Amino acid sequence: RSAFMTRSELKKAKRVVIKLGSAVVTRADGQGLALGRLAAIIEQVAEIQNSGADCIMITSGAVAFGKQKLSQELLMSMSMRETLSSVDRTSELKNIAQHELKRPNAAVGQSGLMALYEAMFRNYGILVGQVLVTKQDFINNDTREQLFNTIRELMALNIIPIINTNDAVSPPPQDTVMQGTLNITDNDSLASRVAVDINADLAILMSDVDGIYDRPPKEDGAQLLHYFNPKNTNQIKFGEKSNFGTGGMESKVMSAGFALDHGCSVIICNGMKYNTIRSIIAGENIGTMFSPLEIEGTSVSVLAKNARSGSRKLSSLAPEDRADVIRHLANSLLSNEKDIMEANEKDLNAAKARGVTGPMFDRLALSRSKLESLCTGLLQIAESSHTNVGKVVRRTKISDSLEVVQKTVP
């Protein structure tokens, strides 16, 4: 089984794992859940499920939900003397609830979180089943087999398994690595491990970042990578992890690489944005897709931005300078014919591998005559560029003080 090569194939996915990171599920202040965002995501998941595909959700949020409940409970449990005291202990109690009661938070929040998922999915005629796991469930062969048998049975009944780590009993993440498999330290690694073991076609890892950048996103000049091959991990520089989650970008890349090696495509994307899942399934350039393709050179999106910037500079040049630039482009087509044809041959081979045929394939193929035709056309544009830019085509007088002028532009 091989992973999808390009985004256009993602609509073929029949089994999809969706991981919701802590930052996606949680409000910005860390107190409770982002209900509006969560409802929008559930609507998109329900669409995939009702279209005939299988969905599995890996979710955070139990601890955040528990924080909200326990903060209120701690305030209510204050004695009358403490309540009437001039010293405001609200901040102190919230801090205790957030940082010192993780396991009680998880225990209190888990039931409320599942009740919320059940109520939201019920609006779309979908049942959900809760599956709580710990790291030990994956280490023990018998427990792991029973776990995935349960998940498969739920999917066979058209029930969405909602998987979460049992933080009420789970020990802190450890770095012990099991040979030949993925060590589960956070929900990213959990999602990738589940995706591989159930033979999922696609895993969508949603967090608060747009995808993988060639350097930390806050640095100037950082470029979002729409495709990424894990073999090139040493070429990127990672930034800091989220304030809410237990994993960072390095963990996401390692987890996604594991899933890709086992035939599951992975998208890392921003779950805070609208319609993310729909856009991904539609093949749009959302987030970063992990692909075994060897992506060389500058990405198409960067080339498009550079072309737009270049066209603006070209339009600001003097007519003779602009004509010289266009003549240089025309002559470069023929002087670099060998390099262009070699690159075109690679494109044609890649198109054949994706099943492109007929007129679409013919349009991709270049030849000496096509290059000469392009060169001639550019030279004609260069010759006419002295007079065809800034030429007034029409003037329309609207009033004594207003005149609309239509001019030609590059």
Protein backbone atom coordinates (compact mmCIF):
# COMPACT_ATOMS: atom_id res chain seq x y z
CA ARG A 1 0.00 0.00 0.00
CA SER A 2 1.40 3.38 -1.03
CA ALA A 3 0.48 6.86 0.13
CA PHE A 4 -1.14 9.45 -2.13
CA MET A 5 1.38 11.44 -4.16
CA THR A 6 -0.59 14.65 -4.73
CA ARG A 7 -3.52 16.55 -3.24
CA SER A 8 -5.81 15.74 -6.17
CA GLU A 9 -5.90 12.13 -4.90
CA LEU A 10 -7.06 12.97 -1.37
CA LYS A 11 -10.74 12.83 -2.34
CA LYS A 12 -10.26 9.08 -2.82
CA ALA A 13 -9.55 8.57 0.90
CA LYS A 14 -11.96 6.03 2.39
CA ARG A 15 -10.60 5.99 5.94
CA VAL A 16 -9.58 9.28 7.56
CA VAL A 17 -8.04 9.99 10.97
CA ILE A 18 -8.59 13.55 12.26
CA LYS A 19 -6.51 14.72 15.21
CA LEU A 20 -7.65 17.83 17.06
CA GLY A 21 -4.83 19.47 18.99
CA SER A 22 -5.26 21.18 22.34
CA ALA A 23 -4.98 24.65 20.78
CA VAL A 24 -7.79 23.82 18.33
CA VAL A 25 -10.22 22.49 20.94
CA THR A 26 -9.38 24.96 23.71
CA ARG A 27 -10.30 28.62 24.06
CA ALA A 28 -7.51 31.18 23.83
CA ASP A 29 -7.65 31.80 27.60
CA GLY A 30 -7.30 28.07 28.32
CA GLN A 31 -10.58 28.02 30.25
CA GLY A 32 -12.98 25.62 28.56
CA LEU A 33 -13.62 24.60 24.97
CA ALA A 34 -13.92 26.65 21.77
CA LEU A 35 -17.47 25.49 21.08
CA GLY A 36 -18.04 27.38 17.82
CA ARG A 37 -14.83 26.11 16.24
CA LEU A 38 -15.50 22.59 17.49
CA ALA A 39 -19.02 22.60 16.04
CA ALA A 40 -17.70 23.67 12.61
CA ILE A 41 -15.11 20.87 12.61
CA ILE A 42 -17.69 18.28 13.65
CA GLU A 43 -19.95 19.37 10.76
CA GLN A 44 -17.11 18.70 8.30
CA VAL A 45 -16.27 15.33 9.87
CA ALA A 46 -19.94 14.37 9.69
CA GLU A 47 -19.99 15.17 5.95
CA ILE A 48 -17.08 12.78 5.34
CA GLN A 49 -18.69 10.06 7.48
CA ASN A 50 -22.08 10.42 5.78
CA SER A 51 -20.42 10.28 2.34
CA GLY A 52 -19.49 6.64 3.02
CA ALA A 53 -15.95 7.01 4.37
CA ASP A 54 -14.79 5.97 7.85
CA CYS A 55 -13.69 8.70 10.26
CA ILE A 56 -11.68 8.28 13.46
CA MET A 57 -11.08 11.23 15.76
CA ILE A 58 -8.13 11.73 18.11
CA THR A 59 -9.08 14.54 20.46
CA SER A 60 -7.65 16.69 23.20
CA GLY A 61 -9.78 18.85 25.45
CA ALA A 62 -10.64 16.77 28.52
CA VAL A 63 -8.11 18.59 30.70
CA ALA A 64 -9.24 22.02 29.44
CA PHE A 65 -12.89 21.15 30.08
CA GLY A 66 -11.97 19.88 33.55
CA LYS A 67 -10.05 23.07 34.34
CA GLN A 68 -13.16 25.12 33.77
CA LYS A 69 -15.27 22.89 36.02
CA LEU A 70 -12.71 22.56 38.80
CA SER A 71 -11.96 26.28 38.87
CA GLN A 72 -15.64 26.92 39.52
CA GLU A 73 -15.79 24.12 42.08
CA LEU A 74 -12.77 25.44 43.99
CA LEU A 75 -14.34 28.90 44.15
CA MET A 76 -17.64 27.43 45.39
CA SER A 77 -15.87 25.38 48.06
CA MET A 78 -14.22 28.41 49.69
CA SER A 79 -15.25 29.01 53.28
CA MET A 80 -17.41 31.98 54.22
CA ARG A 81 -14.38 33.62 55.89
CA GLU A 82 -12.33 33.25 52.67
CA THR A 83 -15.22 34.54 50.57
CA LEU A 84 -15.63 37.67 52.68
CA SER A 85 -11.89 38.25 52.92
CA SER A 86 -10.49 41.35 51.24
CA VAL A 87 -7.82 39.18 49.62
CA ASP A 88 -8.92 38.05 46.15
CA ARG A 89 -7.93 34.38 45.75
CA THR A 90 -9.57 33.88 42.34
CA SER A 91 -6.29 33.95 40.41
CA GLU A 92 -4.63 31.65 42.95
CA LEU A 93 -7.40 29.06 42.71
CA LYS A 94 -7.43 29.16 38.92
CA ASN A 95 -3.68 28.62 38.92
CA ILE A 96 -4.09 25.59 41.20
CA ALA A 97 -6.79 24.16 38.93
CA GLN A 98 -4.67 24.64 35.82
CA HIS A 99 -1.24 23.48 36.95
CA GLU A 100 -1.61 21.19 39.95
CA LEU A 101 -4.67 19.11 39.15
CA LYS A 102 -4.07 17.66 35.68
CA ARG A 103 -5.35 14.17 36.45
CA PRO A 104 -8.46 15.38 38.33
CA ASN A 105 -9.04 17.83 35.47
CA ALA A 106 -8.94 14.95 32.98
CA ALA A 107 -11.23 12.77 35.08
CA VAL A 108 -13.80 15.55 35.50
CA GLY A 109 -13.57 16.81 31.92
CA GLN A 110 -13.69 13.47 30.07
CA SER A 111 -17.39 12.78 30.63
CA GLY A 112 -18.37 16.33 29.70
CA LEU A 113 -16.25 16.27 26.56
CA MET A 114 -17.82 13.04 25.33
CA ALA A 115 -21.32 14.29 26.15
CA LEU A 116 -20.58 17.33 24.00
CA TYR A 117 -19.33 15.24 21.06
CA GLU A 118 -22.32 12.92 21.34
CA ALA A 119 -24.79 15.82 21.31
CA MET A 120 -23.12 17.54 18.34
CA PHE A 121 -22.81 14.43 16.17
CA ARG A 122 -26.38 13.42 16.98
CA ASN A 123 -27.52 16.42 14.92
CA TYR A 124 -26.13 14.62 11.84
CA GLY A 125 -27.53 11.19 12.71
CA ILE A 126 -24.13 9.83 13.77
CA LEU A 127 -23.23 7.80 16.84
CA VAL A 128 -19.86 8.09 18.55
CA GLY A 129 -17.95 5.72 20.81
CA GLN A 130 -15.37 6.69 23.40
CA VAL A 131 -12.04 4.85 23.41
CA LEU A 132 -9.63 5.78 26.21
CA VAL A 133 -6.06 4.55 25.75
CA THR A 134 -2.75 4.61 27.56
CA LYS A 135 0.74 3.95 26.27
CA GLN A 136 0.67 0.50 27.87
CA ASP A 137 -2.24 -0.49 25.61
CA PHE A 138 0.13 -0.31 22.63
CA ILE A 139 3.03 -2.06 24.30
CA ASN A 140 1.06 -5.17 25.30
CA ASN A 141 0.27 -7.25 22.19
CA ASP A 142 -2.98 -8.73 23.55
CA THR A 143 -4.31 -5.36 24.69
CA ARG A 144 -3.32 -3.71 21.41
CA GLU A 145 -5.11 -6.40 19.39
CA GLN A 146 -8.28 -6.01 21.47
CA LEU A 147 -8.08 -2.22 21.17
CA PHE A 148 -7.98 -2.22 17.38
CA ASN A 149 -10.59 -4.96 17.16
CA THR A 150 -12.90 -2.64 19.10
CA ILE A 151 -12.10 0.28 16.79
CA ARG A 152 -12.76 -1.83 13.69
CA GLU A 153 -16.06 -3.09 15.10
CA LEU A 154 -17.16 0.49 15.82
CA MET A 155 -16.33 1.51 12.24
CA ALA A 156 -18.20 -1.51 10.87
CA LEU A 157 -21.27 -0.25 12.77
CA ASN A 158 -20.85 3.23 11.23
CA ILE A 159 -19.88 4.64 14.64
CA ILE A 160 -17.09 7.23 14.87
CA PRO A 161 -14.46 6.15 17.43
CA ILE A 162 -13.32 9.16 19.49
CA ILE A 163 -9.94 8.29 20.94
CA ASN A 164 -8.24 10.12 23.77
CA THR A 165 -5.38 9.36 26.10
CA ASN A 166 -6.61 8.47 29.57
CA ASP A 167 -4.83 11.36 31.31
CA ALA A 168 -6.48 10.46 34.60
CA VAL A 169 -4.13 7.47 34.89
CA SER A 170 -1.48 8.00 32.21
CA PRO A 171 2.07 8.61 33.46
CA PRO A 172 4.05 11.53 31.99
CA PRO A 173 5.45 10.91 28.47
CA GLN A 174 8.71 8.97 28.46
CA ASP A 175 11.39 8.72 25.80
CA THR A 176 11.68 4.94 25.76
CA VAL A 177 11.61 3.93 22.11
CA MET A 178 10.24 0.58 20.99
CA GLN A 179 12.24 -0.84 18.12
CA GLY A 180 10.50 -0.70 14.74
CA THR A 181 7.49 1.31 15.86
CA LEU A 182 6.48 4.82 16.91
CA ASN A 183 6.84 5.84 20.53
CA ILE A 184 3.59 7.43 21.75
CA THR A 185 4.35 10.66 23.58
CA ASP A 186 1.47 12.93 22.48
CA ASN A 187 -1.66 12.99 20.35
CA ASP A 188 0.33 13.46 17.11
CA SER A 189 2.16 10.18 17.61
CA LEU A 190 -1.07 8.56 18.83
CA ALA A 191 -2.91 9.65 15.66
CA SER A 192 -0.14 8.37 13.38
CA ARG A 193 0.06 5.05 15.23
CA VAL A 194 -3.71 4.55 15.04
CA ALA A 195 -3.76 5.55 11.35
CA VAL A 196 -1.11 2.95 10.50
CA ASP A 197 -2.68 0.15 12.54
CA ILE A 198 -6.16 0.60 11.02
CA ASN A 199 -4.80 1.12 7.47
CA ALA A 200 -6.10 4.67 7.14
CA ASP A 201 -5.64 6.46 3.80
CA LEU A 202 -5.27 9.93 5.30
CA ALA A 203 -4.39 11.50 8.65
CA ILE A 204 -5.16 15.18 9.24
CA LEU A 205 -3.18 16.63 12.16
CA MET A 206 -4.83 19.90 13.17
CA SER A 207 -3.09 22.41 15.44
CA ASP A 208 -2.56 26.18 15.63
CA VAL A 209 0.09 26.40 12.87
CA ASP A 210 -0.52 26.61 9.12
CA GLY A 211 1.91 23.78 8.34
CA ILE A 212 5.64 23.27 8.04
CA TYR A 213 7.83 26.25 7.24
CA ASP A 214 11.42 26.18 6.04
CA ARG A 215 12.24 28.11 9.24
CA PRO A 216 10.30 29.26 12.33
CA PRO A 217 7.18 31.13 11.09
CA LYS A 218 8.00 34.25 13.11
CA GLU A 219 11.27 34.75 11.24
CA ASP A 220 11.35 37.04 8.20
CA GLY A 221 11.20 35.25 4.87
CA ALA A 222 9.70 32.04 6.28
CA GLN A 223 7.97 30.08 3.51
CA LEU A 224 5.12 27.60 4.04
CA LEU A 225 5.88 24.24 2.41
CA HIS A 226 2.76 22.85 0.73
CA TYR A 227 4.53 19.53 0.08
CA PHE A 228 7.18 17.97 2.26
CA ASN A 229 9.28 14.82 2.01
CA PRO A 230 10.47 13.66 5.47
CA LYS A 231 13.86 12.86 3.91
CA ASN A 232 14.48 16.62 3.91
CA THR A 233 13.86 17.12 7.65
CA ASN A 234 17.45 18.24 8.21
CA GLN A 235 16.85 21.18 5.83
CA ILE A 236 14.24 22.89 8.03
CA LYS A 237 14.53 24.71 11.34
CA PHE A 238 11.89 24.15 14.01
CA GLY A 239 10.35 26.76 16.29
CA GLU A 240 8.70 26.58 19.70
CA LYS A 241 5.80 24.29 20.53
CA SER A 242 2.22 25.36 21.32
CA ASN A 243 1.37 26.78 24.75
CA PHE A 244 -1.44 24.23 25.19
CA GLY A 245 -0.18 20.95 23.72
CA THR A 246 2.42 18.41 24.76
CA GLY A 247 3.98 18.08 21.30
CA GLY A 248 5.80 20.43 18.96
CA MET A 249 6.53 20.59 15.24
CA GLU A 250 9.39 18.09 15.54
CA SER A 251 6.98 15.59 17.05
CA LYS A 252 4.48 16.20 14.24
CA VAL A 253 7.13 15.69 11.55
CA MET A 254 8.40 12.48 13.15
CA SER A 255 4.87 11.12 13.57
CA ALA A 256 3.84 12.08 10.04
CA GLY A 257 6.99 10.50 8.61
CA PHE A 258 6.17 7.23 10.37
CA ALA A 259 2.65 7.20 8.93
CA LEU A 260 3.90 8.05 5.43
CA ASP A 261 6.45 5.22 5.54
CA HIS A 262 3.55 2.84 6.21
CA GLY A 263 1.38 4.07 3.32
CA CYS A 264 -0.78 6.71 5.04
CA SER A 265 -0.83 10.26 3.68
CA VAL A 266 -0.58 13.05 6.25
CA ILE A 267 -1.61 16.71 6.25
CA ILE A 268 -0.44 19.09 8.99
CA CYS A 269 -2.73 22.13 9.02
CA ASN A 270 -4.27 24.96 11.03
CA GLY A 271 -7.49 23.83 12.65
CA MET A 272 -8.30 27.37 13.78
CA LYS A 273 -9.25 28.39 10.23
CA TYR A 274 -12.63 27.98 8.57
CA ASN A 275 -13.47 24.97 6.36
CA THR A 276 -10.02 23.41 6.70
CA ILE A 277 -11.12 19.77 6.32
CA ARG A 278 -13.42 20.47 3.37
CA SER A 279 -10.66 22.37 1.59
CA ILE A 280 -8.15 19.56 2.15
CA ILE A 281 -10.47 16.89 0.76
CA ALA A 282 -11.17 19.18 -2.22
CA GLY A 283 -7.44 19.19 -3.02
CA GLU A 284 -6.73 22.82 -2.11
CA ASN A 285 -3.29 23.94 -0.91
CA ILE A 286 -4.11 23.89 2.80
CA GLY A 287 -1.34 23.07 5.24
CA THR A 288 1.60 20.80 4.43
CA MET A 289 1.11 17.45 2.72
CA PHE A 290 3.67 14.75 3.44
CA SER A 291 4.47 13.07 0.16
CA PRO A 292 7.15 10.66 -1.09
CA LEU A 293 7.59 12.97 -4.10
CA GLU A 294 11.02 14.53 -4.43
CA ILE A 295 10.16 18.22 -4.63
CA GLU A 296 13.03 20.15 -6.18
CA GLY A 297 13.45 23.85 -6.83
CA THR A 298 11.12 26.67 -5.88
CA SER A 299 7.45 25.90 -5.11
CA VAL A 300 4.72 27.02 -7.52
CA SER A 301 3.22 29.42 -4.97
CA VAL A 302 6.57 31.17 -4.47
CA LEU A 303 7.10 31.36 -8.24
CA ALA A 304 3.66 32.94 -8.60
CA LYS A 305 4.47 35.57 -5.94
CA ASN A 306 7.81 36.30 -7.61
CA ALA A 307 6.10 36.61 -11.00
CA ARG A 308 3.58 39.12 -9.61
CA SER A 309 6.35 41.16 -8.02
CA GLY A 310 8.37 41.04 -11.26
CA SER A 311 5.43 42.18 -13.38
CA ARG A 312 4.98 45.24 -11.18
CA LYS A 313 8.64 46.15 -11.49
CA LEU A 314 8.46 45.60 -15.27
CA SER A 315 5.52 47.98 -15.61
CA SER A 316 7.43 50.71 -13.79
CA LEU A 317 10.44 50.61 -16.18
CA ALA A 318 11.04 52.99 -19.06
CA PRO A 319 9.76 51.64 -22.43
CA GLU A 320 13.25 50.84 -23.80
CA ASP A 321 14.36 49.12 -20.60
CA ARG A 322 11.14 47.10 -20.55
CA ALA A 323 11.70 46.03 -24.17
CA ASP A 324 15.27 44.93 -23.35
CA VAL A 325 14.03 42.72 -20.50
CA ILE A 326 11.42 41.05 -22.72
CA ARG A 327 14.01 40.48 -25.50
CA HIS A 328 16.33 38.86 -22.93
CA LEU A 329 13.50 36.51 -21.85
CA ALA A 330 12.79 35.61 -25.48
CA ASN A 331 16.41 34.80 -26.29
CA SER A 332 16.83 32.84 -23.03
CA LEU A 333 14.21 30.35 -24.21
CA LEU A 334 16.45 29.22 -27.07
CA SER A 335 19.82 29.61 -25.35
CA ASN A 336 18.61 27.41 -22.46
CA GLU A 337 16.79 24.93 -24.68
CA LYS A 338 18.72 21.90 -23.35
CA ASP A 339 17.90 22.61 -19.69
CA ILE A 340 14.26 23.39 -20.50
CA MET A 341 13.77 20.15 -22.46
CA GLU A 342 15.39 18.07 -19.70
CA ALA A 343 13.08 19.60 -17.10
CA ASN A 344 10.10 19.06 -19.40
CA GLU A 345 11.02 15.38 -19.78
CA LYS A 346 10.83 14.97 -15.98
CA ASP A 347 7.44 16.69 -15.94
CA LEU A 348 6.15 14.38 -18.67
CA ASN A 349 7.34 11.27 -16.81
CA ALA A 350 5.66 12.47 -13.62
CA ALA A 351 2.45 13.16 -15.60
CA LYS A 352 2.51 9.64 -17.05
CA ALA A 353 2.91 8.19 -13.55
CA ARG A 354 -0.23 10.10 -12.47
CA GLY A 355 -2.19 8.82 -15.48
CA VAL A 356 -2.34 12.09 -17.46
CA THR A 357 -3.15 11.35 -21.13
CA GLY A 358 -4.70 12.88 -24.23
CA PRO A 359 -4.84 16.65 -24.91
CA MET A 360 -3.77 17.48 -21.34
CA PHE A 361 -0.54 15.51 -21.83
CA ASP A 362 0.06 17.02 -25.27
CA ARG A 363 -0.17 20.53 -23.84
CA LEU A 364 2.56 19.70 -21.33
CA ALA A 365 5.01 18.53 -24.01
CA LEU A 366 7.51 21.11 -25.31
CA SER A 367 9.46 21.04 -28.58
CA ARG A 368 11.93 23.21 -30.49
CA SER A 369 9.12 24.64 -32.61
CA LYS A 370 7.07 25.56 -29.52
CA LEU A 371 10.05 27.36 -27.98
CA GLU A 372 10.69 29.23 -31.23
CA SER A 373 7.01 30.25 -31.38
CA LEU A 374 7.16 31.55 -27.80
CA CYS A 375 10.38 33.41 -28.59
CA THR A 376 8.83 35.07 -31.65
CA GLY A 377 5.77 36.13 -29.67
CA LEU A 378 7.88 37.70 -26.92
CA LEU A 379 9.99 39.60 -29.47
CA GLN A 380 6.80 41.00 -31.01
CA ILE A 381 5.66 42.12 -27.56
CA ALA A 382 9.06 43.77 -26.97
CA GLU A 383 8.85 45.72 -30.22
CA SER A 384 5.35 46.97 -29.49
CA SER A 385 5.98 47.67 -25.78
CA HIS A 386 7.18 51.20 -26.58
CA THR A 387 3.67 52.30 -27.47
CA ASN A 388 1.26 49.68 -26.08
CA VAL A 389 1.78 50.55 -22.38
CA GLY A 390 0.12 53.68 -21.07
CA LYS A 391 -1.82 54.19 -24.28
CA VAL A 392 -5.17 55.90 -23.75
CA VAL A 393 -7.96 53.71 -25.13
CA ARG A 394 -10.96 55.70 -24.00
CA ARG A 395 -11.85 58.85 -22.08
CA THR A 396 -15.25 59.30 -20.49
CA LYS A 397 -16.22 62.64 -18.99
CA ILE A 398 -18.54 62.07 -16.07
CA SER A 399 -18.80 65.68 -14.97
CA ASP A 400 -16.85 68.93 -15.10
CA SER A 401 -14.59 67.70 -12.29
CA LEU A 402 -14.44 63.94 -13.06
CA GLU A 403 -13.05 62.10 -16.07
CA VAL A 404 -12.57 58.31 -16.38
CA VAL A 405 -9.54 57.26 -18.46
CA GLN A 406 -8.94 53.71 -19.73
CA LYS A 407 -5.23 52.95 -20.35
CA THR A 408 -3.31 49.87 -21.45
CA VAL A 409 -1.10 48.18 -18.85
CA PRO A 410 1.53 45.40 -19.13
